[in-house]
Amino acid sequence: MNAILPSSDFEAAIRQIGAERYHHLHPFHRLLHSGQLNREQVQAWALNRYYYQSQIPVKDSLILARLPDSEMRREWRRRIIDHDGDADTPGGIQKWIALATGVGLDRDYVIAGTGILPATRFAVDAYVHFVHERTLLEAIASSLTELFSPNIIGERVRGMLEHYDFISKETLAYFDKRPVQAKQDSDFALDYCIRNARRAEEQQAVLNALTFKCDVLWAQLDALHNAYVDPGHVPPGAWRPGEGSR
């Protein structure tokens, strides 16, 4: 990118990345949402996704520590509370544990992360390192995938409730508040990126950071598909059907 883009074109470029690279396009999600996975494959998804969920407040804490003023810190702190919860309200992590136990996994097994796929751990850890090591602009830009999450959440909830008799509305309670939370979070991040990417190279850095985050999400689904769908190569030490069940 040699010349800075007008704000409208820059936002369009951001949204184009989501249209082309967001993980709603991945074959594993299409199988999940259309009811073509068995219970064990859904368990594998819930277990591995938990590791990602557990690290979200970690990466948000890294960003929080770098924000320059109290207004921005208050805004970003809300994300951490959304996932960690507080004394009165369970957060997203506890709700994801409930999802995993709801599909038949043992709570302690899920939290321990014993059976996480190596590629899941590698991708999620790479995301946390990215947020820690890159500029604040790039770190915030990597969260822009939330622009695209409300649609996939609606599709997921409808599809899973329709196709899986072992899934209930209570099992999927994690998703009840996420569309509203994700819109609030992504509106803030998008505004920050548009206002603070003042040079062409900074705009390109934002686009690259969002592309990287899409790759992180895609890689996790690649690992699930390879291990538990086709060809079914489960790495040594990773979860196998029947392990860690209630």
C-alpha atoms as a PDB file:
ATOM      1  CA  MET A   1       0.000   0.000   0.000  1.00  0.00           C
ATOM      2  CA  ASN A   2       1.700   3.205  -1.218  1.00  0.00           C
ATOM      3  CA  ALA A   3      -0.916   5.856  -0.488  1.00  0.00           C
ATOM      4  CA  ILE A   4      -3.186   6.281   2.511  1.00  0.00           C
ATOM      5  CA  LEU A   5      -6.773   5.229   1.888  1.00  0.00           C
ATOM      6  CA  PRO A   6      -9.781   7.403   2.676  1.00  0.00           C
ATOM      7  CA  SER A   7     -11.564   6.175   5.801  1.00  0.00           C
ATOM      8  CA  SER A   8     -14.425   4.620   3.848  1.00  0.00           C
ATOM      9  CA  ASP A   9     -12.056   2.674   1.586  1.00  0.00           C
ATOM     10  CA  PHE A  10      -9.960   1.596   4.559  1.00  0.00           C
ATOM     11  CA  GLU A  11     -13.021   0.253   6.358  1.00  0.00           C
ATOM     12  CA  ALA A  12     -14.102  -1.500   3.158  1.00  0.00           C
ATOM     13  CA  ALA A  13     -10.680  -3.181   2.952  1.00  0.00           C
ATOM     14  CA  ILE A  14     -11.043  -4.346   6.566  1.00  0.00           C
ATOM     15  CA  ARG A  15     -14.472  -5.795   5.892  1.00  0.00           C
ATOM     16  CA  GLN A  16     -13.270  -7.455   2.702  1.00  0.00           C
ATOM     17  CA  ILE A  17     -10.772  -9.484   4.718  1.00  0.00           C
ATOM     18  CA  GLY A  18     -13.638 -10.800   6.830  1.00  0.00           C
ATOM     19  CA  ALA A  19     -15.694 -11.637   3.765  1.00  0.00           C
ATOM     20  CA  GLU A  20     -12.851 -13.670   2.305  1.00  0.00           C
ATOM     21  CA  ARG A  21     -10.983 -15.082   5.308  1.00  0.00           C
ATOM     22  CA  TYR A  22     -13.201 -15.275   8.385  1.00  0.00           C
ATOM     23  CA  HIS A  23     -13.621 -18.808   9.695  1.00  0.00           C
ATOM     24  CA  HIS A  24     -17.355 -18.966   8.989  1.00  0.00           C
ATOM     25  CA  LEU A  25     -16.192 -20.221   5.583  1.00  0.00           C
ATOM     26  CA  HIS A  26     -14.258 -23.179   7.012  1.00  0.00           C
ATOM     27  CA  PRO A  27     -15.613 -26.663   6.149  1.00  0.00           C
ATOM     28  CA  PHE A  28     -15.561 -27.694   9.833  1.00  0.00           C
ATOM     29  CA  HIS A  29     -17.949 -24.902  10.779  1.00  0.00           C
ATOM     30  CA  ARG A  30     -20.240 -25.788   7.913  1.00  0.00           C
ATOM     31  CA  LEU A  31     -20.350 -29.377   9.157  1.00  0.00           C
ATOM     32  CA  LEU A  32     -20.927 -28.217  12.743  1.00  0.00           C
ATOM     33  CA  HIS A  33     -23.755 -25.870  11.905  1.00  0.00           C
ATOM     34  CA  SER A  34     -25.533 -28.251   9.540  1.00  0.00           C
ATOM     35  CA  GLY A  35     -25.608 -31.163  11.964  1.00  0.00           C
ATOM     36  CA  GLN A  36     -23.112 -33.332  10.111  1.00  0.00           C
ATOM     37  CA  LEU A  37     -20.799 -33.928  13.079  1.00  0.00           C
ATOM     38  CA  ASN A  38     -21.267 -36.626  15.685  1.00  0.00           C
ATOM     39  CA  ARG A  39     -21.275 -36.006  19.424  1.00  0.00           C
ATOM     40  CA  GLU A  40     -17.560 -36.816  19.782  1.00  0.00           C
ATOM     41  CA  GLN A  41     -16.614 -34.344  17.061  1.00  0.00           C
ATOM     42  CA  VAL A  42     -18.687 -31.641  18.763  1.00  0.00           C
ATOM     43  CA  GLN A  43     -16.910 -32.492  22.019  1.00  0.00           C
ATOM     44  CA  ALA A  44     -13.544 -32.060  20.299  1.00  0.00           C
ATOM     45  CA  TRP A  45     -14.629 -28.618  19.090  1.00  0.00           C
ATOM     46  CA  ALA A  46     -15.859 -27.552  22.538  1.00  0.00           C
ATOM     47  CA  LEU A  47     -12.689 -28.779  24.249  1.00  0.00           C
ATOM     48  CA  ASN A  48     -10.247 -27.102  21.872  1.00  0.00           C
ATOM     49  CA  ARG A  49     -12.230 -23.889  21.630  1.00  0.00           C
ATOM     50  CA  TYR A  50     -12.087 -23.632  25.419  1.00  0.00           C
ATOM     51  CA  TYR A  51      -8.348 -23.066  25.260  1.00  0.00           C
ATOM     52  CA  TYR A  52      -8.909 -20.111  22.942  1.00  0.00           C
ATOM     53  CA  GLN A  53     -11.650 -18.733  25.201  1.00  0.00           C
ATOM     54  CA  SER A  54      -9.435 -19.080  28.285  1.00  0.00           C
ATOM     55  CA  GLN A  55      -6.713 -16.935  26.722  1.00  0.00           C
ATOM     56  CA  ILE A  56      -8.915 -14.053  25.575  1.00  0.00           C
ATOM     57  CA  PRO A  57      -8.754 -12.185  28.912  1.00  0.00           C
ATOM     58  CA  VAL A  58      -5.007 -12.822  28.968  1.00  0.00           C
ATOM     59  CA  LYS A  59      -4.492 -11.044  25.646  1.00  0.00           C
ATOM     60  CA  ASP A  60      -6.962  -8.328  26.659  1.00  0.00           C
ATOM     61  CA  SER A  61      -4.987  -7.741  29.853  1.00  0.00           C
ATOM     62  CA  LEU A  62      -1.862  -7.246  27.764  1.00  0.00           C
ATOM     63  CA  ILE A  63      -3.656  -4.609  25.706  1.00  0.00           C
ATOM     64  CA  LEU A  64      -5.176  -2.977  28.799  1.00  0.00           C
ATOM     65  CA  ALA A  65      -1.744  -2.448  30.315  1.00  0.00           C
ATOM     66  CA  ARG A  66      -0.672  -0.433  27.267  1.00  0.00           C
ATOM     67  CA  LEU A  67      -3.667   1.886  26.924  1.00  0.00           C
ATOM     68  CA  PRO A  68      -2.750   5.518  27.579  1.00  0.00           C
ATOM     69  CA  ASP A  69      -5.786   6.909  29.406  1.00  0.00           C
ATOM     70  CA  SER A  70      -8.450   5.883  31.901  1.00  0.00           C
ATOM     71  CA  GLU A  71     -11.360   6.190  29.441  1.00  0.00           C
ATOM     72  CA  MET A  72      -9.804   3.687  27.073  1.00  0.00           C
ATOM     73  CA  ARG A  73      -8.835   1.403  29.956  1.00  0.00           C
ATOM     74  CA  ARG A  74     -12.420   1.405  31.254  1.00  0.00           C
ATOM     75  CA  GLU A  75     -13.662   0.473  27.806  1.00  0.00           C
ATOM     76  CA  TRP A  76     -11.172  -2.348  27.383  1.00  0.00           C
ATOM     77  CA  ARG A  77     -11.569  -3.590  30.974  1.00  0.00           C
ATOM     78  CA  ARG A  78     -15.183  -4.424  30.159  1.00  0.00           C
ATOM     79  CA  ARG A  79     -13.945  -7.088  27.764  1.00  0.00           C
ATOM     80  CA  ILE A  80     -12.057  -8.812  30.552  1.00  0.00           C
ATOM     81  CA  ILE A  81     -15.103  -8.758  32.821  1.00  0.00           C
ATOM     82  CA  ASP A  82     -17.236 -10.135  29.985  1.00  0.00           C
ATOM     83  CA  HIS A  83     -14.992 -13.196  29.839  1.00  0.00           C
ATOM     84  CA  ASP A  84     -13.805 -13.561  33.442  1.00  0.00           C
ATOM     85  CA  GLY A  85     -17.081 -12.516  35.037  1.00  0.00           C
ATOM     86  CA  ASP A  86     -17.333 -10.848  38.423  1.00  0.00           C
ATOM     87  CA  ALA A  87     -18.591 -11.692  41.904  1.00  0.00           C
ATOM     88  CA  ASP A  88     -22.221 -11.710  40.778  1.00  0.00           C
ATOM     89  CA  THR A  89     -22.221 -12.748  37.131  1.00  0.00           C
ATOM     90  CA  PRO A  90     -20.463 -15.659  35.423  1.00  0.00           C
ATOM     91  CA  GLY A  91     -18.381 -14.656  32.433  1.00  0.00           C
ATOM     92  CA  GLY A  92     -17.785 -16.208  29.064  1.00  0.00           C
ATOM     93  CA  ILE A  93     -15.170 -18.656  30.332  1.00  0.00           C
ATOM     94  CA  GLN A  94     -17.555 -20.203  32.864  1.00  0.00           C
ATOM     95  CA  LYS A  95     -20.277 -20.318  30.233  1.00  0.00           C
ATOM     96  CA  TRP A  96     -17.939 -22.115  27.842  1.00  0.00           C
ATOM     97  CA  ILE A  97     -17.099 -24.646  30.547  1.00  0.00           C
ATOM     98  CA  ALA A  98     -20.855 -25.171  30.911  1.00  0.00           C
ATOM     99  CA  LEU A  99     -21.070 -25.711  27.146  1.00  0.00           C
ATOM    100  CA  ALA A 100     -18.306 -28.315  27.292  1.00  0.00           C
ATOM    101  CA  THR A 101     -19.880 -30.151  30.211  1.00  0.00           C
ATOM    102  CA  GLY A 102     -23.244 -29.859  28.479  1.00  0.00           C
ATOM    103  CA  VAL A 103     -21.954 -31.935  25.578  1.00  0.00           C
ATOM    104  CA  GLY A 104     -20.600 -34.551  27.968  1.00  0.00           C
ATOM    105  CA  LEU A 105     -17.055 -33.558  28.947  1.00  0.00           C
ATOM    106  CA  ASP A 106     -15.707 -33.506  32.486  1.00  0.00           C
ATOM    107  CA  ARG A 107     -15.226 -30.003  33.885  1.00  0.00           C
ATOM    108  CA  ASP A 108     -11.804 -30.619  35.405  1.00  0.00           C
ATOM    109  CA  TYR A 109     -10.576 -32.298  32.227  1.00  0.00           C
ATOM    110  CA  VAL A 110     -11.623 -29.307  30.140  1.00  0.00           C
ATOM    111  CA  ILE A 111      -9.976 -26.770  32.447  1.00  0.00           C
ATOM    112  CA  ALA A 112      -6.744 -28.777  32.642  1.00  0.00           C
ATOM    113  CA  GLY A 113      -6.354 -28.575  28.851  1.00  0.00           C
ATOM    114  CA  THR A 114      -4.728 -31.992  28.801  1.00  0.00           C
ATOM    115  CA  GLY A 115      -6.125 -33.095  25.473  1.00  0.00           C
ATOM    116  CA  ILE A 116      -5.822 -29.860  23.512  1.00  0.00           C
ATOM    117  CA  LEU A 117      -4.510 -30.350  19.981  1.00  0.00           C
ATOM    118  CA  PRO A 118      -0.908 -29.152  19.582  1.00  0.00           C
ATOM    119  CA  ALA A 119      -1.928 -26.926  16.672  1.00  0.00           C
ATOM    120  CA  THR A 120      -4.681 -25.340  18.760  1.00  0.00           C
ATOM    121  CA  ARG A 121      -2.217 -24.502  21.505  1.00  0.00           C
ATOM    122  CA  PHE A 122       0.354 -23.220  19.013  1.00  0.00           C
ATOM    123  CA  ALA A 123      -2.152 -20.974  17.209  1.00  0.00           C
ATOM    124  CA  VAL A 124      -3.641 -19.508  20.385  1.00  0.00           C
ATOM    125  CA  ASP A 125      -0.242 -18.946  21.986  1.00  0.00           C
ATOM    126  CA  ALA A 126       0.927 -17.247  18.790  1.00  0.00           C
ATOM    127  CA  TYR A 127      -2.023 -14.868  19.070  1.00  0.00           C
ATOM    128  CA  VAL A 128      -1.152 -13.957  22.663  1.00  0.00           C
ATOM    129  CA  HIS A 129       2.493 -13.400  21.680  1.00  0.00           C
ATOM    130  CA  PHE A 130       1.415 -11.244  18.734  1.00  0.00           C
ATOM    131  CA  VAL A 131      -0.605  -8.975  21.010  1.00  0.00           C
ATOM    132  CA  HIS A 132       2.300  -8.737  23.442  1.00  0.00           C
ATOM    133  CA  GLU A 133       5.009  -8.031  20.882  1.00  0.00           C
ATOM    134  CA  ARG A 134       3.399  -5.857  18.216  1.00  0.00           C
ATOM    135  CA  THR A 135       2.337  -2.224  18.355  1.00  0.00           C
ATOM    136  CA  LEU A 136      -0.799  -1.240  20.238  1.00  0.00           C
ATOM    137  CA  LEU A 137      -2.457  -0.438  16.918  1.00  0.00           C
ATOM    138  CA  GLU A 138      -1.754  -3.941  15.603  1.00  0.00           C
ATOM    139  CA  ALA A 139      -2.844  -5.548  18.867  1.00  0.00           C
ATOM    140  CA  ILE A 140      -6.200  -3.772  18.776  1.00  0.00           C
ATOM    141  CA  ALA A 141      -6.575  -4.454  15.047  1.00  0.00           C
ATOM    142  CA  SER A 142      -6.237  -8.186  15.674  1.00  0.00           C
ATOM    143  CA  SER A 143      -9.541  -8.058  17.583  1.00  0.00           C
ATOM    144  CA  LEU A 144     -11.435  -6.801  14.527  1.00  0.00           C
ATOM    145  CA  THR A 145     -12.622 -10.327  13.743  1.00  0.00           C
ATOM    146  CA  GLU A 146     -15.446  -9.467  16.150  1.00  0.00           C
ATOM    147  CA  LEU A 147     -16.903  -7.375  13.334  1.00  0.00           C
ATOM    148  CA  PHE A 148     -17.890 -10.616  11.655  1.00  0.00           C
ATOM    149  CA  SER A 149     -18.914 -12.789  14.606  1.00  0.00           C
ATOM    150  CA  PRO A 150     -22.608 -11.860  15.148  1.00  0.00           C
ATOM    151  CA  ASN A 151     -23.721 -13.549  11.920  1.00  0.00           C
ATOM    152  CA  ILE A 152     -21.837 -16.760  12.600  1.00  0.00           C
ATOM    153  CA  ILE A 153     -23.202 -16.882  16.151  1.00  0.00           C
ATOM    154  CA  GLY A 154     -26.793 -16.725  14.936  1.00  0.00           C
ATOM    155  CA  GLU A 155     -26.130 -19.406  12.347  1.00  0.00           C
ATOM    156  CA  ARG A 156     -24.386 -21.605  14.922  1.00  0.00           C
ATOM    157  CA  VAL A 157     -27.100 -21.415  17.557  1.00  0.00           C
ATOM    158  CA  ARG A 158     -29.912 -22.076  15.104  1.00  0.00           C
ATOM    159  CA  GLY A 159     -28.096 -24.957  13.448  1.00  0.00           C
ATOM    160  CA  MET A 160     -26.947 -26.697  16.602  1.00  0.00           C
ATOM    161  CA  LEU A 161     -30.334 -26.474  18.308  1.00  0.00           C
ATOM    162  CA  GLU A 162     -32.014 -27.824  15.190  1.00  0.00           C
ATOM    163  CA  HIS A 163     -29.660 -30.706  14.462  1.00  0.00           C
ATOM    164  CA  TYR A 164     -28.240 -32.014  17.754  1.00  0.00           C
ATOM    165  CA  ASP A 165     -30.592 -33.593  20.282  1.00  0.00           C
ATOM    166  CA  PHE A 166     -27.865 -33.452  22.948  1.00  0.00           C
ATOM    167  CA  ILE A 167     -27.674 -29.636  22.693  1.00  0.00           C
ATOM    168  CA  SER A 168     -30.044 -27.363  24.597  1.00  0.00           C
ATOM    169  CA  LYS A 169     -30.532 -23.618  24.713  1.00  0.00           C
ATOM    170  CA  GLU A 170     -28.926 -23.666  28.172  1.00  0.00           C
ATOM    171  CA  THR A 171     -25.866 -25.432  26.745  1.00  0.00           C
ATOM    172  CA  LEU A 172     -25.364 -22.558  24.317  1.00  0.00           C
ATOM    173  CA  ALA A 173     -25.886 -19.770  26.884  1.00  0.00           C
ATOM    174  CA  TYR A 174     -22.390 -18.472  26.100  1.00  0.00           C
ATOM    175  CA  PHE A 175     -23.730 -17.064  22.851  1.00  0.00           C
ATOM    176  CA  ASP A 176     -26.714 -15.202  24.355  1.00  0.00           C
ATOM    177  CA  LYS A 177     -24.831 -11.949  24.989  1.00  0.00           C
ATOM    178  CA  ARG A 178     -21.967 -12.292  22.531  1.00  0.00           C
ATOM    179  CA  PRO A 179     -23.568 -10.557  19.506  1.00  0.00           C
ATOM    180  CA  VAL A 180     -24.207  -7.384  21.535  1.00  0.00           C
ATOM    181  CA  GLN A 181     -20.811  -7.572  23.264  1.00  0.00           C
ATOM    182  CA  ALA A 182     -18.997  -8.232  19.995  1.00  0.00           C
ATOM    183  CA  LYS A 183     -20.650  -5.279  18.264  1.00  0.00           C
ATOM    184  CA  GLN A 184     -19.738  -2.934  21.100  1.00  0.00           C
ATOM    185  CA  ASP A 185     -16.177  -4.232  21.157  1.00  0.00           C
ATOM    186  CA  SER A 186     -15.693  -4.130  17.400  1.00  0.00           C
ATOM    187  CA  ASP A 187     -17.213  -0.649  17.044  1.00  0.00           C
ATOM    188  CA  PHE A 188     -14.608   0.650  19.492  1.00  0.00           C
ATOM    189  CA  ALA A 189     -11.715  -1.205  17.840  1.00  0.00           C
ATOM    190  CA  LEU A 190     -12.739  -0.163  14.327  1.00  0.00           C
ATOM    191  CA  ASP A 191     -13.009   3.493  15.316  1.00  0.00           C
ATOM    192  CA  TYR A 192      -9.615   3.313  17.041  1.00  0.00           C
ATOM    193  CA  CYS A 193      -7.936   1.769  14.004  1.00  0.00           C
ATOM    194  CA  ILE A 194      -9.442   4.197  11.523  1.00  0.00           C
ATOM    195  CA  ARG A 195      -8.463   7.207  13.661  1.00  0.00           C
ATOM    196  CA  ASN A 196      -4.960   6.022  14.543  1.00  0.00           C
ATOM    197  CA  ALA A 197      -3.760   4.487  11.272  1.00  0.00           C
ATOM    198  CA  ARG A 198      -2.600   7.805   9.842  1.00  0.00           C
ATOM    199  CA  ARG A 199      -0.039   6.557   7.347  1.00  0.00           C
ATOM    200  CA  ALA A 200      -0.276   3.998   4.559  1.00  0.00           C
ATOM    201  CA  GLU A 201       2.080   1.617   6.356  1.00  0.00           C
ATOM    202  CA  GLU A 202      -0.065   1.820   9.506  1.00  0.00           C
ATOM    203  CA  GLN A 203      -3.185   1.007   7.509  1.00  0.00           C
ATOM    204  CA  GLN A 204      -1.363  -1.964   6.005  1.00  0.00           C
ATOM    205  CA  ALA A 205      -0.306  -3.067   9.492  1.00  0.00           C
ATOM    206  CA  VAL A 206      -3.957  -3.062  10.557  1.00  0.00           C
ATOM    207  CA  LEU A 207      -4.936  -5.188   7.557  1.00  0.00           C
ATOM    208  CA  ASN A 208      -2.047  -7.563   8.204  1.00  0.00           C
ATOM    209  CA  ALA A 209      -2.993  -7.926  11.871  1.00  0.00           C
ATOM    210  CA  LEU A 210      -6.584  -8.771  10.991  1.00  0.00           C
ATOM    211  CA  THR A 211      -5.391 -11.273   8.386  1.00  0.00           C
ATOM    212  CA  PHE A 212      -3.142 -12.877  10.994  1.00  0.00           C
ATOM    213  CA  LYS A 213      -6.054 -13.217  13.427  1.00  0.00           C
ATOM    214  CA  CYS A 214      -8.202 -14.810  10.731  1.00  0.00           C
ATOM    215  CA  ASP A 215      -5.359 -17.264  10.133  1.00  0.00           C
ATOM    216  CA  VAL A 216      -5.255 -18.066  13.869  1.00  0.00           C
ATOM    217  CA  LEU A 217      -8.957 -18.943  13.854  1.00  0.00           C
ATOM    218  CA  TRP A 218      -8.696 -20.870  10.583  1.00  0.00           C
ATOM    219  CA  ALA A 219      -5.697 -22.890  11.796  1.00  0.00           C
ATOM    220  CA  GLN A 220      -7.644 -24.089  14.827  1.00  0.00           C
ATOM    221  CA  LEU A 221     -10.393 -25.461  12.602  1.00  0.00           C
ATOM    222  CA  ASP A 222      -7.846 -27.025  10.245  1.00  0.00           C
ATOM    223  CA  ALA A 223      -6.453 -28.917  13.232  1.00  0.00           C
ATOM    224  CA  LEU A 224      -9.905 -30.100  14.333  1.00  0.00           C
ATOM    225  CA  HIS A 225     -10.845 -31.213  10.840  1.00  0.00           C
ATOM    226  CA  ASN A 226      -7.585 -33.069  10.317  1.00  0.00           C
ATOM    227  CA  ALA A 227      -7.716 -34.843  13.688  1.00  0.00           C
ATOM    228  CA  TYR A 228     -11.408 -35.656  14.041  1.00  0.00           C
ATOM    229  CA  VAL A 229     -13.031 -35.545  10.591  1.00  0.00           C
ATOM    230  CA  ASP A 230     -10.694 -36.282   7.700  1.00  0.00           C
ATOM    231  CA  PRO A 231      -8.270 -38.029   7.615  1.00  0.00           C
ATOM    232  CA  GLY A 232      -8.660 -38.544  11.371  1.00  0.00           C
ATOM    233  CA  HIS A 233      -5.031 -38.272  12.441  1.00  0.00           C
ATOM    234  CA  VAL A 234      -5.188 -37.590  16.186  1.00  0.00           C
ATOM    235  CA  PRO A 235      -1.756 -36.417  17.429  1.00  0.00           C
ATOM    236  CA  PRO A 236      -0.114 -38.196  20.373  1.00  0.00           C
ATOM    237  CA  GLY A 237      -1.478 -36.929  23.669  1.00  0.00           C
ATOM    238  CA  ALA A 238      -4.509 -35.223  22.147  1.00  0.00           C
ATOM    239  CA  TRP A 239      -8.058 -35.992  23.248  1.00  0.00           C
ATOM    240  CA  ARG A 240      -9.644 -39.151  21.931  1.00  0.00           C
ATOM    241  CA  PRO A 241     -13.378 -39.956  22.039  1.00  0.00           C
ATOM    242  CA  GLY A 242     -14.330 -41.312  25.423  1.00  0.00           C
ATOM    243  CA  GLU A 243     -11.589 -39.559  27.359  1.00  0.00           C
ATOM    244  CA  GLY A 244     -12.499 -36.926  29.912  1.00  0.00           C
ATOM    245  CA  SER A 245     -16.209 -37.728  29.731  1.00  0.00           C
ATOM    246  CA  ARG A 246     -18.704 -37.253  32.526  1.00  0.00           C
END
